[in-house]
Amino acid sequence: MCRGALAGGPAIGAVTIARMPHSPAAATAVIAVLQAPHPVPFLVLLTTATVLLVAAGVAASRAQHAARYPAYWW
């Protein structure tokens, strides 16, 4: 269980420093450490999910003509 905390803590710290607090980021780190999935399928699924979520957010933002998502890119 300590490995999960050691993985989740830095993940939360990194997203907080980047000013994008997002708890599921810590959950992903904890899952990767505790479950030890095979790296290639896990990274493919993680990348696919990330692309789909960002695409959905951008599409919804463009459709609403409200505040633009994302607010800024680095």
Protein backbone atom coordinates (compact mmCIF):
# COMPACT_ATOMS: atom_id res chain seq x y z
CA MET A 1 0.00 0.00 0.00
CA CYS A 2 2.92 2.34 0.59
CA ARG A 3 3.88 2.01 -3.09
CA GLY A 4 0.49 3.43 -4.06
CA ALA A 5 1.02 6.46 -1.84
CA LEU A 6 4.52 6.93 -3.21
CA ALA A 7 3.10 6.92 -6.74
CA GLY A 8 -0.01 9.01 -6.08
CA GLY A 9 1.69 11.73 -4.05
CA PRO A 10 4.13 12.87 -6.75
CA ALA A 11 1.38 12.63 -9.38
CA ILE A 12 -0.87 14.98 -7.39
CA GLY A 13 2.11 17.24 -6.72
CA ALA A 14 3.02 17.41 -10.41
CA VAL A 15 -0.49 18.29 -11.59
CA THR A 16 -0.85 20.85 -8.79
CA ILE A 17 2.42 22.53 -9.76
CA ALA A 18 1.17 22.58 -13.36
CA ARG A 19 -2.01 24.28 -12.03
CA MET A 20 -4.19 21.44 -13.32
CA PRO A 21 -5.28 19.46 -10.23
CA HIS A 22 -6.85 16.24 -11.43
CA SER A 23 -7.36 13.36 -9.00
CA PRO A 24 -7.67 10.67 -11.70
CA ALA A 25 -4.02 11.36 -12.55
CA ALA A 26 -3.09 10.01 -9.14
CA ALA A 27 -5.44 7.06 -9.60
CA THR A 28 -3.70 6.17 -12.86
CA ALA A 29 -0.30 6.25 -11.14
CA VAL A 30 -1.60 4.09 -8.27
CA ILE A 31 -3.14 1.55 -10.68
CA ALA A 32 0.09 1.34 -12.64
CA VAL A 33 2.11 0.69 -9.49
CA LEU A 34 -0.24 -1.67 -7.64
CA GLN A 35 -1.56 -3.72 -10.57
CA ALA A 36 1.67 -3.76 -12.62
CA PRO A 37 -0.12 -4.12 -15.99
CA HIS A 38 1.84 -5.04 -19.10
CA PRO A 39 3.29 -1.69 -20.25
CA VAL A 40 2.42 -1.71 -23.96
CA PRO A 41 -1.35 -2.41 -23.77
CA PHE A 42 -1.67 -0.14 -20.73
CA LEU A 43 0.04 2.78 -22.49
CA VAL A 44 -2.02 2.24 -25.65
CA LEU A 45 -5.26 2.33 -23.64
CA LEU A 46 -4.10 5.30 -21.58
CA THR A 47 -3.10 7.27 -24.68
CA THR A 48 -6.34 6.44 -26.48
CA ALA A 49 -8.44 7.48 -23.48
CA THR A 50 -6.48 10.72 -23.13
CA VAL A 51 -6.90 11.65 -26.79
CA LEU A 52 -10.62 10.88 -26.71
CA LEU A 53 -11.21 12.92 -23.55
CA VAL A 54 -9.31 15.95 -24.83
CA ALA A 55 -11.05 15.73 -28.22
CA ALA A 56 -14.46 15.60 -26.52
CA GLY A 57 -13.60 18.63 -24.38
CA VAL A 58 -12.37 20.65 -27.37
CA ALA A 59 -15.43 19.67 -29.47
CA ALA A 60 -17.85 20.60 -26.67
CA SER A 61 -16.08 23.93 -26.17
CA ARG A 62 -16.23 24.75 -29.88
CA ALA A 63 -19.93 23.87 -30.05
CA GLN A 64 -20.95 26.12 -27.13
CA HIS A 65 -19.23 29.36 -28.23
CA ALA A 66 -18.56 29.98 -24.55
CA ALA A 67 -15.20 29.92 -22.80
CA ARG A 68 -12.59 28.19 -24.93
CA TYR A 69 -11.09 24.88 -23.80
CA PRO A 70 -8.26 24.68 -23.06
CA ALA A 71 -7.77 28.20 -21.74
CA TYR A 72 -4.08 28.14 -22.70
CA TRP A 73 -1.40 25.78 -24.02
CA TRP A 74 2.17 25.62 -22.80
